[in-house]
Amino acid sequence: MTKRWIIALSLAALQGFATVASACPMCKDSITDNGGPDGPTVGLPSGFKFSIYLMLTGLFCVMGLIGGIIVKGVRDTNVTPPSDKPPGFPMD
């Protein structure tokens, strides 16, 4: 029971810290219409968007590569069951 209370209190503390967190200055400036203090920044929001898309693309490519290697490794195994027993687990 004590473990549940510790987990609940730690999650509540994390939630409290997340509510007071603010965005970095570059992110705040990219959201506004007039840009930063030097004037409008036309390409900044789209630059942030494209960099995020590029990072997500790299992540999914690596995940797909690892998944493909695992699937290929499982399919290429040459494990055959003995001829006197049927394949699968024994049903007793």
N, C-alpha and C. Protein backbone atom coordinates (compact mmCIF):
# COMPACT_ATOMS: atom_id res chain seq x y z
N MET A 1 0.82 -1.20 0.00
CA MET A 1 0.00 0.00 0.00
C MET A 1 0.86 1.25 0.00
N THR A 2 1.96 1.21 0.72
CA THR A 2 2.85 2.37 0.79
C THR A 2 3.48 2.65 -0.57
N LYS A 3 3.78 1.59 -1.31
CA LYS A 3 4.40 1.77 -2.62
C LYS A 3 3.45 2.51 -3.57
N ARG A 4 2.18 2.23 -3.48
CA ARG A 4 1.20 2.92 -4.33
C ARG A 4 1.15 4.41 -4.01
N TRP A 5 1.23 4.74 -2.71
CA TRP A 5 1.19 6.16 -2.33
C TRP A 5 2.44 6.89 -2.80
N ILE A 6 3.57 6.23 -2.75
CA ILE A 6 4.81 6.86 -3.21
C ILE A 6 4.73 7.12 -4.71
N ILE A 7 4.23 6.15 -5.45
CA ILE A 7 4.08 6.32 -6.90
C ILE A 7 3.08 7.43 -7.21
N ALA A 8 1.98 7.46 -6.50
CA ALA A 8 0.96 8.50 -6.75
C ALA A 8 1.50 9.89 -6.41
N LEU A 9 2.23 10.01 -5.32
CA LEU A 9 2.79 11.32 -4.95
C LEU A 9 3.87 11.76 -5.92
N SER A 10 4.68 10.83 -6.41
CA SER A 10 5.71 11.20 -7.37
C SER A 10 5.10 11.62 -8.70
N LEU A 11 4.03 10.95 -9.12
CA LEU A 11 3.36 11.36 -10.35
C LEU A 11 2.69 12.73 -10.20
N ALA A 12 2.12 12.99 -9.03
CA ALA A 12 1.52 14.31 -8.78
C ALA A 12 2.58 15.40 -8.77
N ALA A 13 3.76 15.12 -8.21
CA ALA A 13 4.85 16.10 -8.22
C ALA A 13 5.33 16.37 -9.63
N LEU A 14 5.46 15.32 -10.43
CA LEU A 14 5.87 15.51 -11.82
C LEU A 14 4.85 16.33 -12.59
N GLN A 15 3.58 16.10 -12.34
CA GLN A 15 2.53 16.87 -12.99
C GLN A 15 2.61 18.34 -12.59
N GLY A 16 2.90 18.59 -11.33
CA GLY A 16 3.03 19.96 -10.86
C GLY A 16 4.20 20.69 -11.49
N PHE A 17 5.33 19.97 -11.67
CA PHE A 17 6.48 20.59 -12.32
C PHE A 17 6.22 20.84 -13.80
N ALA A 18 5.44 20.00 -14.43
CA ALA A 18 5.15 20.18 -15.85
C ALA A 18 4.26 21.39 -16.10
N THR A 19 3.43 21.76 -15.15
CA THR A 19 2.54 22.89 -15.37
C THR A 19 3.28 24.22 -15.32
N VAL A 20 4.39 24.30 -14.59
CA VAL A 20 5.12 25.56 -14.50
C VAL A 20 6.23 25.66 -15.54
N ALA A 21 6.47 24.61 -16.30
CA ALA A 21 7.50 24.64 -17.33
C ALA A 21 7.08 25.56 -18.46
N SER A 22 8.03 26.30 -18.99
CA SER A 22 7.74 27.19 -20.10
C SER A 22 8.63 26.84 -21.28
N ALA A 23 8.23 27.30 -22.44
CA ALA A 23 8.97 26.99 -23.64
C ALA A 23 10.26 27.82 -23.69
N CYS A 24 11.22 27.35 -24.45
CA CYS A 24 12.46 28.10 -24.61
C CYS A 24 12.17 29.37 -25.42
N PRO A 25 13.03 30.37 -25.34
CA PRO A 25 12.76 31.63 -26.06
C PRO A 25 12.63 31.46 -27.56
N MET A 26 13.39 30.55 -28.14
CA MET A 26 13.30 30.35 -29.59
C MET A 26 11.94 29.78 -29.97
N CYS A 27 11.42 28.88 -29.15
CA CYS A 27 10.11 28.30 -29.45
C CYS A 27 9.00 29.33 -29.27
N LYS A 28 9.11 30.18 -28.25
CA LYS A 28 8.10 31.22 -28.04
C LYS A 28 8.08 32.20 -29.20
N ASP A 29 9.27 32.56 -29.69
CA ASP A 29 9.34 33.51 -30.79
C ASP A 29 8.80 32.91 -32.09
N SER A 30 8.92 31.59 -32.24
CA SER A 30 8.46 30.99 -33.48
C SER A 30 6.94 30.92 -33.54
N ILE A 31 6.28 30.95 -32.40
CA ILE A 31 4.83 30.85 -32.38
C ILE A 31 4.17 32.18 -32.66
N THR A 32 4.78 33.27 -32.24
CA THR A 32 4.16 34.58 -32.42
C THR A 32 4.16 34.99 -33.88
N ASP A 33 3.29 35.91 -34.21
CA ASP A 33 3.18 36.37 -35.59
C ASP A 33 4.28 37.36 -35.97
N ASN A 34 4.70 38.18 -35.02
CA ASN A 34 5.67 39.22 -35.37
C ASN A 34 7.11 38.79 -35.18
N GLY A 35 7.38 37.58 -34.77
CA GLY A 35 8.74 37.09 -34.65
C GLY A 35 9.40 37.56 -33.38
N GLY A 36 10.71 37.76 -33.46
CA GLY A 36 11.47 38.16 -32.29
C GLY A 36 11.57 39.66 -32.16
N PRO A 37 12.48 40.14 -31.33
CA PRO A 37 12.61 41.58 -31.13
C PRO A 37 13.19 42.31 -32.33
N ASP A 38 13.85 41.60 -33.23
CA ASP A 38 14.44 42.23 -34.42
C ASP A 38 13.47 42.33 -35.58
N GLY A 39 12.28 41.85 -35.44
CA GLY A 39 11.29 41.90 -36.52
C GLY A 39 10.78 40.52 -36.84
N PRO A 40 10.00 40.44 -37.91
CA PRO A 40 9.40 39.14 -38.26
C PRO A 40 10.45 38.14 -38.72
N THR A 41 10.26 36.93 -38.31
CA THR A 41 11.11 35.82 -38.76
C THR A 41 10.25 34.90 -39.59
N VAL A 42 10.42 34.98 -40.87
CA VAL A 42 9.53 34.30 -41.79
C VAL A 42 9.74 32.78 -41.77
N GLY A 43 10.96 32.32 -41.82
CA GLY A 43 11.20 30.89 -41.96
C GLY A 43 11.41 30.14 -40.67
N LEU A 44 11.36 30.80 -39.53
CA LEU A 44 11.67 30.12 -38.28
C LEU A 44 10.65 29.05 -37.90
N PRO A 45 9.35 29.32 -37.95
CA PRO A 45 8.41 28.23 -37.59
C PRO A 45 8.50 27.03 -38.53
N SER A 46 8.63 27.27 -39.81
CA SER A 46 8.72 26.14 -40.73
C SER A 46 10.04 25.41 -40.55
N GLY A 47 11.09 26.13 -40.16
CA GLY A 47 12.37 25.46 -39.88
C GLY A 47 12.27 24.51 -38.70
N PHE A 48 11.56 24.95 -37.65
CA PHE A 48 11.35 24.07 -36.51
C PHE A 48 10.53 22.85 -36.91
N LYS A 49 9.50 23.06 -37.71
CA LYS A 49 8.66 21.94 -38.13
C LYS A 49 9.45 20.92 -38.94
N PHE A 50 10.24 21.41 -39.91
CA PHE A 50 10.99 20.49 -40.75
C PHE A 50 12.08 19.75 -39.97
N SER A 51 12.69 20.42 -38.99
CA SER A 51 13.71 19.72 -38.20
C SER A 51 13.08 18.63 -37.35
N ILE A 52 11.89 18.88 -36.83
CA ILE A 52 11.19 17.84 -36.05
C ILE A 52 10.80 16.68 -36.95
N TYR A 53 10.30 16.98 -38.14
CA TYR A 53 9.94 15.91 -39.07
C TYR A 53 11.17 15.09 -39.46
N LEU A 54 12.30 15.75 -39.65
CA LEU A 54 13.53 15.05 -40.01
C LEU A 54 13.98 14.13 -38.88
N MET A 55 13.91 14.60 -37.65
CA MET A 55 14.29 13.76 -36.53
C MET A 55 13.35 12.57 -36.37
N LEU A 56 12.05 12.78 -36.54
CA LEU A 56 11.10 11.67 -36.45
C LEU A 56 11.31 10.67 -37.57
N THR A 57 11.63 11.15 -38.77
CA THR A 57 11.89 10.25 -39.88
C THR A 57 13.10 9.38 -39.60
N GLY A 58 14.15 9.98 -39.06
CA GLY A 58 15.34 9.20 -38.70
C GLY A 58 15.03 8.15 -37.65
N LEU A 59 14.21 8.52 -36.65
CA LEU A 59 13.83 7.57 -35.61
C LEU A 59 13.07 6.39 -36.20
N PHE A 60 12.08 6.67 -37.05
CA PHE A 60 11.29 5.58 -37.62
C PHE A 60 12.10 4.73 -38.60
N CYS A 61 13.07 5.33 -39.28
CA CYS A 61 13.94 4.53 -40.16
C CYS A 61 14.79 3.57 -39.35
N VAL A 62 15.33 4.03 -38.23
CA VAL A 62 16.13 3.14 -37.39
C VAL A 62 15.27 2.04 -36.80
N MET A 63 14.06 2.39 -36.35
CA MET A 63 13.16 1.36 -35.80
C MET A 63 12.78 0.34 -36.87
N GLY A 64 12.53 0.79 -38.08
CA GLY A 64 12.22 -0.13 -39.17
C GLY A 64 13.39 -1.01 -39.53
N LEU A 65 14.60 -0.45 -39.51
CA LEU A 65 15.79 -1.24 -39.80
C LEU A 65 15.99 -2.33 -38.75
N ILE A 66 15.86 -1.97 -37.49
CA ILE A 66 16.02 -2.97 -36.42
C ILE A 66 14.92 -4.03 -36.50
N GLY A 67 13.68 -3.61 -36.75
CA GLY A 67 12.59 -4.57 -36.90
C GLY A 67 12.81 -5.50 -38.08
N GLY A 68 13.29 -4.95 -39.19
CA GLY A 68 13.56 -5.78 -40.37
C GLY A 68 14.67 -6.78 -40.13
N ILE A 69 15.70 -6.37 -39.40
CA ILE A 69 16.79 -7.29 -39.08
C ILE A 69 16.29 -8.42 -38.18
N ILE A 70 15.45 -8.09 -37.21
CA ILE A 70 14.91 -9.12 -36.32
C ILE A 70 14.03 -10.10 -37.10
N VAL A 71 13.15 -9.59 -37.96
CA VAL A 71 12.28 -10.46 -38.75
C VAL A 71 13.09 -11.34 -39.68
N LYS A 72 14.10 -10.77 -40.33
CA LYS A 72 14.94 -11.56 -41.23
C LYS A 72 15.70 -12.64 -40.46
N GLY A 73 16.18 -12.31 -39.27
CA GLY A 73 16.89 -13.30 -38.46
C GLY A 73 16.00 -14.44 -38.04
N VAL A 74 14.74 -14.14 -37.71
CA VAL A 74 13.81 -15.20 -37.30
C VAL A 74 13.43 -16.06 -38.49
N ARG A 75 13.22 -15.46 -39.64
CA ARG A 75 12.81 -16.24 -40.82
C ARG A 75 13.95 -17.08 -41.39
N ASP A 76 15.18 -16.64 -41.21
CA ASP A 76 16.31 -17.35 -41.81
C ASP A 76 16.89 -18.44 -40.91
N THR A 77 16.31 -18.70 -39.76
CA THR A 77 16.83 -19.76 -38.92
C THR A 77 16.52 -21.11 -39.54
N ASN A 78 17.42 -22.04 -39.37
CA ASN A 78 17.28 -23.37 -39.96
C ASN A 78 16.93 -24.40 -38.90
N VAL A 79 16.06 -24.06 -38.00
CA VAL A 79 15.66 -24.99 -36.95
C VAL A 79 14.51 -25.82 -37.48
N THR A 80 14.70 -27.13 -37.51
CA THR A 80 13.64 -28.03 -37.95
C THR A 80 13.32 -28.98 -36.80
N PRO A 81 12.06 -29.29 -36.60
CA PRO A 81 11.72 -30.22 -35.52
C PRO A 81 12.13 -31.64 -35.90
N PRO A 82 12.37 -32.48 -34.91
CA PRO A 82 12.69 -33.89 -35.22
C PRO A 82 11.54 -34.54 -35.99
N SER A 83 11.88 -35.51 -36.81
CA SER A 83 10.87 -36.12 -37.68
C SER A 83 9.87 -36.99 -36.92
N ASP A 84 10.25 -37.48 -35.73
CA ASP A 84 9.33 -38.35 -35.01
C ASP A 84 8.33 -37.57 -34.17
N LYS A 85 8.51 -36.27 -33.99
CA LYS A 85 7.57 -35.46 -33.21
C LYS A 85 6.94 -34.40 -34.10
N PRO A 86 5.68 -34.09 -33.89
CA PRO A 86 5.06 -33.03 -34.68
C PRO A 86 5.58 -31.66 -34.24
N PRO A 87 5.54 -30.66 -35.10
CA PRO A 87 6.03 -29.34 -34.71
C PRO A 87 5.09 -28.69 -33.68
N GLY A 88 5.65 -27.86 -32.85
CA GLY A 88 4.87 -27.17 -31.85
C GLY A 88 5.13 -27.71 -30.46
N PHE A 89 4.32 -27.28 -29.52
CA PHE A 89 4.45 -27.69 -28.13
C PHE A 89 3.66 -28.96 -27.91
N PRO A 90 4.14 -29.82 -26.99
CA PRO A 90 3.41 -31.07 -26.73
C PRO A 90 2.08 -30.78 -26.02
N MET A 91 1.05 -31.47 -26.42
CA MET A 91 -0.29 -31.33 -25.82
C MET A 91 -0.57 -32.57 -24.98
N ASP A 92 -0.36 -32.47 -23.68
CA ASP A 92 -0.58 -33.62 -22.80
C ASP A 92 -1.93 -33.56 -22.15
